Amino acid sequence: MMRKSTFGAVLAFLFAAAGALTAAAIYLYRREKELDEYERLLFNDEYEDEDDDDFDEDPVYEPIQDEPAKSDDADDAGL
């Protein structure tokens, strides 16, 4: 049979372990809620920049201006 002091020490250890596990569970629960809120704010479309709308448009193709053709005389002159 255990002595009363040993039983008290084991009982105190069990209560301390249960308290530590409870504190860890509460911390993780609150941290998960906080991270969910940050994620909701990060990926919220309400605060979307107006500049990003420019990238949703179709590309605009502009005509290339004709460059003057090189003449063979410029090559002969050493230019």
PDB file of N, CA and C in Angstrom:
ATOM      1  N   MET A   1       0.836  -1.176   0.000  1.00  0.00           N
ATOM      2  CA  MET A   1       0.000   0.000   0.000  1.00  0.00           C
ATOM      3  C   MET A   1       0.887   1.248   0.000  1.00  0.00           C
ATOM      4  N   MET A   2       0.431   2.324  -0.689  1.00  0.00           N
ATOM      5  CA  MET A   2       1.211   3.565  -0.773  1.00  0.00           C
ATOM      6  C   MET A   2       1.038   4.376   0.506  1.00  0.00           C
ATOM      7  N   ARG A   3       2.071   5.125   0.776  1.00  0.00           N
ATOM      8  CA  ARG A   3       1.935   6.055   1.886  1.00  0.00           C
ATOM      9  C   ARG A   3       1.104   7.243   1.445  1.00  0.00           C
ATOM     10  N   LYS A   4       0.623   7.996   2.390  1.00  0.00           N
ATOM     11  CA  LYS A   4      -0.216   9.156   2.078  1.00  0.00           C
ATOM     12  C   LYS A   4       0.573  10.224   1.349  1.00  0.00           C
ATOM     13  N   SER A   5       1.850  10.400   1.672  1.00  0.00           N
ATOM     14  CA  SER A   5       2.656  11.420   1.020  1.00  0.00           C
ATOM     15  C   SER A   5       2.925  11.048  -0.446  1.00  0.00           C
ATOM     16  N   THR A   6       3.146   9.773  -0.718  1.00  0.00           N
ATOM     17  CA  THR A   6       3.362   9.317  -2.094  1.00  0.00           C
ATOM     18  C   THR A   6       2.082   9.478  -2.895  1.00  0.00           C
ATOM     19  N   PHE A   7       0.971   9.111  -2.302  1.00  0.00           N
ATOM     20  CA  PHE A   7      -0.318   9.266  -2.975  1.00  0.00           C
ATOM     21  C   PHE A   7      -0.602  10.736  -3.277  1.00  0.00           C
ATOM     22  N   GLY A   8      -0.278  11.603  -2.361  1.00  0.00           N
ATOM     23  CA  GLY A   8      -0.469  13.042  -2.560  1.00  0.00           C
ATOM     24  C   GLY A   8       0.415  13.576  -3.671  1.00  0.00           C
ATOM     25  N   ALA A   9       1.648  13.100  -3.746  1.00  0.00           N
ATOM     26  CA  ALA A   9       2.570  13.543  -4.798  1.00  0.00           C
ATOM     27  C   ALA A   9       2.085  13.073  -6.169  1.00  0.00           C
ATOM     28  N   VAL A  10       1.631  11.827  -6.234  1.00  0.00           N
ATOM     29  CA  VAL A  10       1.118  11.303  -7.511  1.00  0.00           C
ATOM     30  C   VAL A  10      -0.143  12.057  -7.910  1.00  0.00           C
ATOM     31  N   LEU A  11      -0.998  12.332  -6.975  1.00  0.00           N
ATOM     32  CA  LEU A  11      -2.231  13.067  -7.260  1.00  0.00           C
ATOM     33  C   LEU A  11      -1.914  14.496  -7.716  1.00  0.00           C
ATOM     34  N   ALA A  12      -0.942  15.151  -7.083  1.00  0.00           N
ATOM     35  CA  ALA A  12      -0.550  16.499  -7.481  1.00  0.00           C
ATOM     36  C   ALA A  12       0.058  16.496  -8.881  1.00  0.00           C
ATOM     37  N   PHE A  13       0.859  15.463  -9.198  1.00  0.00           N
ATOM     38  CA  PHE A  13       1.434  15.343 -10.527  1.00  0.00           C
ATOM     39  C   PHE A  13       0.336  15.173 -11.580  1.00  0.00           C
ATOM     40  N   LEU A  14      -0.653  14.355 -11.312  1.00  0.00           N
ATOM     41  CA  LEU A  14      -1.751  14.145 -12.260  1.00  0.00           C
ATOM     42  C   LEU A  14      -2.552  15.429 -12.482  1.00  0.00           C
ATOM     43  N   PHE A  15      -2.803  16.175 -11.414  1.00  0.00           N
ATOM     44  CA  PHE A  15      -3.523  17.448 -11.560  1.00  0.00           C
ATOM     45  C   PHE A  15      -2.686  18.457 -12.359  1.00  0.00           C
ATOM     46  N   ALA A  16      -1.377  18.483 -12.136  1.00  0.00           N
ATOM     47  CA  ALA A  16      -0.507  19.400 -12.882  1.00  0.00           C
ATOM     48  C   ALA A  16      -0.479  19.028 -14.361  1.00  0.00           C
ATOM     49  N   ALA A  17      -0.413  17.738 -14.648  1.00  0.00           N
ATOM     50  CA  ALA A  17      -0.411  17.287 -16.042  1.00  0.00           C
ATOM     51  C   ALA A  17      -1.734  17.619 -16.719  1.00  0.00           C
ATOM     52  N   ALA A  18      -2.836  17.412 -16.013  1.00  0.00           N
ATOM     53  CA  ALA A  18      -4.151  17.727 -16.581  1.00  0.00           C
ATOM     54  C   ALA A  18      -4.285  19.229 -16.818  1.00  0.00           C
ATOM     55  N   GLY A  19      -3.783  20.028 -15.906  1.00  0.00           N
ATOM     56  CA  GLY A  19      -3.829  21.481 -16.074  1.00  0.00           C
ATOM     57  C   GLY A  19      -2.976  21.940 -17.250  1.00  0.00           C
ATOM     58  N   ALA A  20      -1.800  21.347 -17.421  1.00  0.00           N
ATOM     59  CA  ALA A  20      -0.926  21.717 -18.534  1.00  0.00           C
ATOM     60  C   ALA A  20      -1.570  21.333 -19.868  1.00  0.00           C
ATOM     61  N   LEU A  21      -2.170  20.165 -19.923  1.00  0.00           N
ATOM     62  CA  LEU A  21      -2.841  19.739 -21.161  1.00  0.00           C
ATOM     63  C   LEU A  21      -4.039  20.632 -21.475  1.00  0.00           C
ATOM     64  N   THR A  22      -4.771  21.028 -20.453  1.00  0.00           N
ATOM     65  CA  THR A  22      -5.913  21.917 -20.663  1.00  0.00           C
ATOM     66  C   THR A  22      -5.457  23.281 -21.152  1.00  0.00           C
ATOM     67  N   ALA A  23      -4.389  23.805 -20.560  1.00  0.00           N
ATOM     68  CA  ALA A  23      -3.869  25.099 -20.992  1.00  0.00           C
ATOM     69  C   ALA A  23      -3.378  25.038 -22.434  1.00  0.00           C
ATOM     70  N   ALA A  24      -2.715  23.955 -22.804  1.00  0.00           N
ATOM     71  CA  ALA A  24      -2.235  23.804 -24.181  1.00  0.00           C
ATOM     72  C   ALA A  24      -3.398  23.709 -25.163  1.00  0.00           C
ATOM     73  N   ALA A  25      -4.441  22.989 -24.793  1.00  0.00           N
ATOM     74  CA  ALA A  25      -5.601  22.853 -25.673  1.00  0.00           C
ATOM     75  C   ALA A  25      -6.301  24.197 -25.868  1.00  0.00           C
ATOM     76  N   ILE A  26      -6.452  24.964 -24.798  1.00  0.00           N
ATOM     77  CA  ILE A  26      -7.086  26.283 -24.903  1.00  0.00           C
ATOM     78  C   ILE A  26      -6.242  27.213 -25.758  1.00  0.00           C
ATOM     79  N   TYR A  27      -4.909  27.180 -25.572  1.00  0.00           N
ATOM     80  CA  TYR A  27      -4.015  28.020 -26.369  1.00  0.00           C
ATOM     81  C   TYR A  27      -4.128  27.677 -27.850  1.00  0.00           C
ATOM     82  N   LEU A  28      -4.087  26.395 -28.168  1.00  0.00           N
ATOM     83  CA  LEU A  28      -4.168  25.980 -29.576  1.00  0.00           C
ATOM     84  C   LEU A  28      -5.518  26.334 -30.183  1.00  0.00           C
ATOM     85  N   TYR A  29      -6.589  26.227 -29.413  1.00  0.00           N
ATOM     86  CA  TYR A  29      -7.917  26.580 -29.920  1.00  0.00           C
ATOM     87  C   TYR A  29      -7.984  28.072 -30.254  1.00  0.00           C
ATOM     88  N   ARG A  30      -7.485  28.900 -29.357  1.00  0.00           N
ATOM     89  CA  ARG A  30      -7.504  30.355 -29.599  1.00  0.00           C
ATOM     90  C   ARG A  30      -6.580  30.739 -30.746  1.00  0.00           C
ATOM     91  N   ARG A  31      -5.431  30.104 -30.833  1.00  0.00           N
ATOM     92  CA  ARG A  31      -4.478  30.401 -31.914  1.00  0.00           C
ATOM     93  C   ARG A  31      -5.076  30.008 -33.271  1.00  0.00           C
ATOM     94  N   GLU A  32      -5.767  28.886 -33.320  1.00  0.00           N
ATOM     95  CA  GLU A  32      -6.409  28.465 -34.569  1.00  0.00           C
ATOM     96  C   GLU A  32      -7.487  29.455 -34.999  1.00  0.00           C
ATOM     97  N   LYS A  33      -8.261  29.959 -34.037  1.00  0.00           N
ATOM     98  CA  LYS A  33      -9.269  30.966 -34.370  1.00  0.00           C
ATOM     99  C   LYS A  33      -8.621  32.232 -34.895  1.00  0.00           C
ATOM    100  N   GLU A  34      -7.497  32.638 -34.284  1.00  0.00           N
ATOM    101  CA  GLU A  34      -6.792  33.839 -34.719  1.00  0.00           C
ATOM    102  C   GLU A  34      -6.232  33.662 -36.134  1.00  0.00           C
ATOM    103  N   LEU A  35      -5.665  32.502 -36.418  1.00  0.00           N
ATOM    104  CA  LEU A  35      -5.133  32.239 -37.753  1.00  0.00           C
ATOM    105  C   LEU A  35      -6.241  32.176 -38.802  1.00  0.00           C
ATOM    106  N   ASP A  36      -7.391  31.647 -38.438  1.00  0.00           N
ATOM    107  CA  ASP A  36      -8.526  31.627 -39.362  1.00  0.00           C
ATOM    108  C   ASP A  36      -8.970  33.044 -39.696  1.00  0.00           C
ATOM    109  N   GLU A  37      -8.955  33.915 -38.693  1.00  0.00           N
ATOM    110  CA  GLU A  37      -9.344  35.306 -38.933  1.00  0.00           C
ATOM    111  C   GLU A  37      -8.342  35.997 -39.859  1.00  0.00           C
ATOM    112  N   TYR A  38      -7.048  35.774 -39.627  1.00  0.00           N
ATOM    113  CA  TYR A  38      -6.031  36.359 -40.510  1.00  0.00           C
ATOM    114  C   TYR A  38      -6.190  35.848 -41.940  1.00  0.00           C
ATOM    115  N   GLU A  39      -6.442  34.568 -42.078  1.00  0.00           N
ATOM    116  CA  GLU A  39      -6.618  33.987 -43.408  1.00  0.00           C
ATOM    117  C   GLU A  39      -7.849  34.574 -44.093  1.00  0.00           C
ATOM    118  N   ARG A  40      -8.915  34.765 -43.337  1.00  0.00           N
ATOM    119  CA  ARG A  40     -10.136  35.347 -43.905  1.00  0.00           C
ATOM    120  C   ARG A  40      -9.871  36.773 -44.379  1.00  0.00           C
ATOM    121  N   LEU A  41      -9.117  37.543 -43.594  1.00  0.00           N
ATOM    122  CA  LEU A  41      -8.797  38.912 -43.995  1.00  0.00           C
ATOM    123  C   LEU A  41      -7.841  38.942 -45.178  1.00  0.00           C
ATOM    124  N   LEU A  42      -6.913  38.001 -45.222  1.00  0.00           N
ATOM    125  CA  LEU A  42      -5.914  37.976 -46.293  1.00  0.00           C
ATOM    126  C   LEU A  42      -6.544  37.655 -47.636  1.00  0.00           C
ATOM    127  N   PHE A  43      -7.467  36.714 -47.659  1.00  0.00           N
ATOM    128  CA  PHE A  43      -8.065  36.277 -48.919  1.00  0.00           C
ATOM    129  C   PHE A  43      -9.439  36.871 -49.163  1.00  0.00           C
ATOM    130  N   ASN A  44      -9.779  37.934 -48.441  1.00  0.00           N
ATOM    131  CA  ASN A  44     -11.065  38.588 -48.609  1.00  0.00           C
ATOM    132  C   ASN A  44     -11.041  39.415 -49.892  1.00  0.00           C
ATOM    133  N   ASP A  45     -12.086  39.321 -50.705  1.00  0.00           N
ATOM    134  CA  ASP A  45     -12.162  40.066 -51.957  1.00  0.00           C
ATOM    135  C   ASP A  45     -12.686  41.482 -51.763  1.00  0.00           C
ATOM    136  N   GLU A  46     -13.115  41.811 -50.573  1.00  0.00           N
ATOM    137  CA  GLU A  46     -13.697  43.125 -50.318  1.00  0.00           C
ATOM    138  C   GLU A  46     -12.679  44.244 -50.488  1.00  0.00           C
ATOM    139  N   TYR A  47     -11.420  43.975 -50.127  1.00  0.00           N
ATOM    140  CA  TYR A  47     -10.392  45.007 -50.173  1.00  0.00           C
ATOM    141  C   TYR A  47      -9.454  44.818 -51.364  1.00  0.00           C
ATOM    142  N   GLU A  48      -9.968  44.310 -52.440  1.00  0.00           N
ATOM    143  CA  GLU A  48      -9.143  44.037 -53.613  1.00  0.00           C
ATOM    144  C   GLU A  48      -8.703  45.354 -54.251  1.00  0.00           C
ATOM    145  N   ASP A  49      -7.441  45.418 -54.660  1.00  0.00           N
ATOM    146  CA  ASP A  49      -6.925  46.628 -55.292  1.00  0.00           C
ATOM    147  C   ASP A  49      -7.570  46.839 -56.644  1.00  0.00           C
ATOM    148  N   GLU A  50      -7.774  48.102 -56.974  1.00  0.00           N
ATOM    149  CA  GLU A  50      -8.358  48.418 -58.266  1.00  0.00           C
ATOM    150  C   GLU A  50      -7.340  48.250 -59.382  1.00  0.00           C
ATOM    151  N   ASP A  51      -6.055  48.333 -59.055  1.00  0.00           N
ATOM    152  CA  ASP A  51      -5.015  48.176 -60.063  1.00  0.00           C
ATOM    153  C   ASP A  51      -4.981  46.754 -60.607  1.00  0.00           C
ATOM    154  N   ASP A  52      -5.389  45.786 -59.816  1.00  0.00           N
ATOM    155  CA  ASP A  52      -5.375  44.405 -60.266  1.00  0.00           C
ATOM    156  C   ASP A  52      -6.390  44.153 -61.371  1.00  0.00           C
ATOM    157  N   ASP A  53      -7.371  45.035 -61.490  1.00  0.00           N
ATOM    158  CA  ASP A  53      -8.384  44.845 -62.520  1.00  0.00           C
ATOM    159  C   ASP A  53      -7.804  45.001 -63.922  1.00  0.00           C
ATOM    160  N   ASP A  54      -6.698  45.734 -64.061  1.00  0.00           N
ATOM    161  CA  ASP A  54      -6.090  45.927 -65.372  1.00  0.00           C
ATOM    162  C   ASP A  54      -5.574  44.615 -65.953  1.00  0.00           C
ATOM    163  N   PHE A  55      -5.202  43.688 -65.090  1.00  0.00           N
ATOM    164  CA  PHE A  55      -4.645  42.439 -65.575  1.00  0.00           C
ATOM    165  C   PHE A  55      -5.724  41.469 -66.036  1.00  0.00           C
ATOM    166  N   ASP A  56      -6.962  41.740 -65.713  1.00  0.00           N
ATOM    167  CA  ASP A  56      -8.047  40.864 -66.117  1.00  0.00           C
ATOM    168  C   ASP A  56      -8.495  41.135 -67.549  1.00  0.00           C
ATOM    169  N   GLU A  57      -8.084  42.259 -68.119  1.00  0.00           N
ATOM    170  CA  GLU A  57      -8.513  42.609 -69.458  1.00  0.00           C
ATOM    171  C   GLU A  57      -7.728  41.807 -70.487  1.00  0.00           C
ATOM    172  N   ASP A  58      -8.298  41.712 -71.695  1.00  0.00           N
ATOM    173  CA  ASP A  58      -7.607  41.039 -72.783  1.00  0.00           C
ATOM    174  C   ASP A  58      -6.426  41.900 -73.217  1.00  0.00           C
ATOM    175  N   PRO A  59      -5.375  41.263 -73.748  1.00  0.00           N
ATOM    176  CA  PRO A  59      -4.216  42.058 -74.171  1.00  0.00           C
ATOM    177  C   PRO A  59      -4.563  42.949 -75.369  1.00  0.00           C
ATOM    178  N   VAL A  60      -3.933  44.099 -75.404  1.00  0.00           N
ATOM    179  CA  VAL A  60      -4.143  45.049 -76.494  1.00  0.00           C
ATOM    180  C   VAL A  60      -2.936  44.945 -77.418  1.00  0.00           C
ATOM    181  N   TYR A  61      -3.215  44.632 -78.662  1.00  0.00           N
ATOM    182  CA  TYR A  61      -2.145  44.508 -79.641  1.00  0.00           C
ATOM    183  C   TYR A  61      -2.077  45.794 -80.452  1.00  0.00           C
ATOM    184  N   GLU A  62      -0.913  46.442 -80.421  1.00  0.00           N
ATOM    185  CA  GLU A  62      -0.726  47.671 -81.174  1.00  0.00           C
ATOM    186  C   GLU A  62       0.119  47.365 -82.403  1.00  0.00           C
ATOM    187  N   PRO A  63      -0.142  48.047 -83.516  1.00  0.00           N
ATOM    188  CA  PRO A  63       0.645  47.767 -84.722  1.00  0.00           C
ATOM    189  C   PRO A  63       2.090  48.244 -84.556  1.00  0.00           C
ATOM    190  N   ILE A  64       2.994  47.494 -85.147  1.00  0.00           N
ATOM    191  CA  ILE A  64       4.407  47.851 -85.118  1.00  0.00           C
ATOM    192  C   ILE A  64       4.673  48.797 -86.277  1.00  0.00           C
ATOM    193  N   GLN A  65       5.349  49.890 -85.989  1.00  0.00           N
ATOM    194  CA  GLN A  65       5.649  50.849 -87.051  1.00  0.00           C
ATOM    195  C   GLN A  65       6.749  50.280 -87.934  1.00  0.00           C
ATOM    196  N   ASP A  66       6.610  50.550 -89.219  1.00  0.00           N
ATOM    197  CA  ASP A  66       7.609  50.067 -90.168  1.00  0.00           C
ATOM    198  C   ASP A  66       8.896  50.859 -90.004  1.00  0.00           C
ATOM    199  N   GLU A  67      10.010  50.141 -89.872  1.00  0.00           N
ATOM    200  CA  GLU A  67      11.311  50.789 -89.783  1.00  0.00           C
ATOM    201  C   GLU A  67      11.844  50.977 -91.201  1.00  0.00           C
ATOM    202  N   PRO A  68      12.564  52.037 -91.426  1.00  0.00           N
ATOM    203  CA  PRO A  68      13.137  52.208 -92.768  1.00  0.00           C
ATOM    204  C   PRO A  68      14.138  51.090 -93.050  1.00  0.00           C
ATOM    205  N   ALA A  69      14.057  50.554 -94.246  1.00  0.00           N
ATOM    206  CA  ALA A  69      14.937  49.456 -94.626  1.00  0.00           C
ATOM    207  C   ALA A  69      16.341  49.983 -94.852  1.00  0.00           C
ATOM    208  N   LYS A  70      17.335  49.196 -94.461  1.00  0.00           N
ATOM    209  CA  LYS A  70      18.725  49.578 -94.691  1.00  0.00           C
ATOM    210  C   LYS A  70      19.034  49.433 -96.176  1.00  0.00           C
ATOM    211  N   SER A  71      19.741  50.376 -96.658  1.00  0.00           N
ATOM    212  CA  SER A  71      20.134  50.260 -98.058  1.00  0.00           C
ATOM    213  C   SER A  71      21.497  49.583 -98.142  1.00  0.00           C
ATOM    214  N   ASP A  72      21.752  48.958 -99.239  1.00  0.00           N
ATOM    215  CA  ASP A  72      23.027  48.272 -99.429  1.00  0.00           C
ATOM    216  C   ASP A  72      24.169  49.270 -99.540  1.00  0.00           C
ATOM    217  N   ASP A  73      23.870  50.513 -99.892  1.00  0.00           N
ATOM    218  CA  ASP A  73      24.914  51.537-100.024  1.00  0.00           C
ATOM    219  C   ASP A  73      25.547  51.846 -98.654  1.00  0.00           C
ATOM    220  N   ALA A  74      24.754  51.767 -97.571  1.00  0.00           N
ATOM    221  CA  ALA A  74      25.295  52.061 -96.247  1.00  0.00           C
ATOM    222  C   ALA A  74      26.286  50.991 -95.839  1.00  0.00           C
ATOM    223  N   ASP A  75      26.043  49.733 -96.264  1.00  0.00           N
ATOM    224  CA  ASP A  75      26.983  48.670 -95.947  1.00  0.00           C
ATOM    225  C   ASP A  75      28.289  48.842 -96.694  1.00  0.00           C
ATOM    226  N   ASP A  76      28.221  49.330 -97.935  1.00  0.00           N
ATOM    227  CA  ASP A  76      29.424  49.518 -98.716  1.00  0.00           C
ATOM    228  C   ASP A  76      30.271  50.669 -98.195  1.00  0.00           C
ATOM    229  N   ALA A  77      29.647  51.634 -97.555  1.00  0.00           N
ATOM    230  CA  ALA A  77      30.375  52.810 -97.070  1.00  0.00           C
ATOM    231  C   ALA A  77      31.082  52.515 -95.750  1.00  0.00           C
ATOM    232  N   GLY A  78      30.834  51.348 -95.168  1.00  0.00           N
ATOM    233  CA  GLY A  78      31.497  50.979 -93.931  1.00  0.00           C
ATOM    234  C   GLY A  78      30.732  51.420 -92.699  1.00  0.00           C
ATOM    235  N   LEU A  79      29.488  51.749 -92.833  1.00  0.00           N
ATOM    236  CA  LEU A  79      28.676  52.163 -91.689  1.00  0.00           C
ATOM    237  C   LEU A  79      28.022  51.011 -91.038  1.00  0.00           C
TER     238      LEU A  79
END
